[in-house]
């Protein structure tokens, strides 16, 4: 039973880490696009 439980926990942790990685990538991409937009607006001024 312990091995099965460990396998389930490891599968859940890998899924969570994958979701967290996607969220981090999405947030970084959004921040980069926002920063570039702010930089271009500053340069225009």
C-alpha atoms as a PDB file:
ATOM      1  CA  UNK A   1       0.000   0.000   0.000  1.00  0.00           C
ATOM      2  CA  UNK A   2       2.833   2.409   0.808  1.00  0.00           C
ATOM      3  CA  UNK A   3       4.379   2.039  -2.658  1.00  0.00           C
ATOM      4  CA  UNK A   4       1.021   2.702  -4.338  1.00  0.00           C
ATOM      5  CA  UNK A   5       0.474   5.751  -2.154  1.00  0.00           C
ATOM      6  CA  UNK A   6       3.977   7.041  -2.980  1.00  0.00           C
ATOM      7  CA  UNK A   7       3.331   6.522  -6.688  1.00  0.00           C
ATOM      8  CA  UNK A   8       0.070   8.493  -6.500  1.00  0.00           C
ATOM      9  CA  UNK A   9       1.756  11.294  -4.538  1.00  0.00           C
ATOM     10  CA  UNK A  10       4.649  11.450  -7.018  1.00  0.00           C
ATOM     11  CA  UNK A  11       2.202  11.563  -9.959  1.00  0.00           C
ATOM     12  CA  UNK A  12       0.245  14.373  -8.301  1.00  0.00           C
ATOM     13  CA  UNK A  13       3.450  16.288  -7.500  1.00  0.00           C
ATOM     14  CA  UNK A  14       4.652  15.971 -11.111  1.00  0.00           C
ATOM     15  CA  UNK A  15       1.266  17.213 -12.381  1.00  0.00           C
ATOM     16  CA  UNK A  16       1.331  20.110  -9.906  1.00  0.00           C
ATOM     17  CA  UNK A  17       4.912  20.999 -10.832  1.00  0.00           C
ATOM     18  CA  UNK A  18       3.947  20.966 -14.520  1.00  0.00           C
ATOM     19  CA  UNK A  19       0.954  23.236 -13.868  1.00  0.00           C
ATOM     20  CA  UNK A  20       3.117  25.554 -11.752  1.00  0.00           C
ATOM     21  CA  UNK A  21       5.735  25.660 -14.527  1.00  0.00           C
ATOM     22  CA  UNK A  22       3.057  26.605 -17.072  1.00  0.00           C
ATOM     23  CA  UNK A  23       1.732  29.315 -14.739  1.00  0.00           C
ATOM     24  CA  UNK A  24       5.241  30.708 -14.190  1.00  0.00           C
ATOM     25  CA  UNK A  25       5.911  30.757 -17.950  1.00  0.00           C
ATOM     26  CA  UNK A  26       2.564  32.476 -18.575  1.00  0.00           C
ATOM     27  CA  UNK A  27       3.179  35.090 -15.873  1.00  0.00           C
ATOM     28  CA  UNK A  28       6.721  35.755 -17.128  1.00  0.00           C
ATOM     29  CA  UNK A  29       5.475  36.112 -20.710  1.00  0.00           C
ATOM     30  CA  UNK A  30       2.731  38.508 -19.591  1.00  0.00           C
ATOM     31  CA  UNK A  31       5.203  40.524 -17.509  1.00  0.00           C
ATOM     32  CA  UNK A  32       7.661  40.685 -20.418  1.00  0.00           C
ATOM     33  CA  UNK A  33       4.972  41.865 -22.848  1.00  0.00           C
ATOM     34  CA  UNK A  34       3.763  44.427 -20.286  1.00  0.00           C
ATOM     35  CA  UNK A  35       7.322  45.650 -19.673  1.00  0.00           C
ATOM     36  CA  UNK A  36       8.049  45.969 -23.406  1.00  0.00           C
ATOM     37  CA  UNK A  37       4.792  47.908 -23.861  1.00  0.00           C
ATOM     38  CA  UNK A  38       5.725  50.249 -20.998  1.00  0.00           C
ATOM     39  CA  UNK A  39       9.241  50.667 -22.418  1.00  0.00           C
ATOM     40  CA  UNK A  40       7.923  51.545 -25.880  1.00  0.00           C
ATOM     41  CA  UNK A  41       5.466  54.082 -24.388  1.00  0.00           C
ATOM     42  CA  UNK A  42       8.311  55.623 -22.346  1.00  0.00           C
ATOM     43  CA  UNK A  43      10.524  55.815 -25.440  1.00  0.00           C
ATOM     44  CA  UNK A  44       7.738  57.559 -27.392  1.00  0.00           C
ATOM     45  CA  UNK A  45       7.468  60.182 -24.644  1.00  0.00           C
END
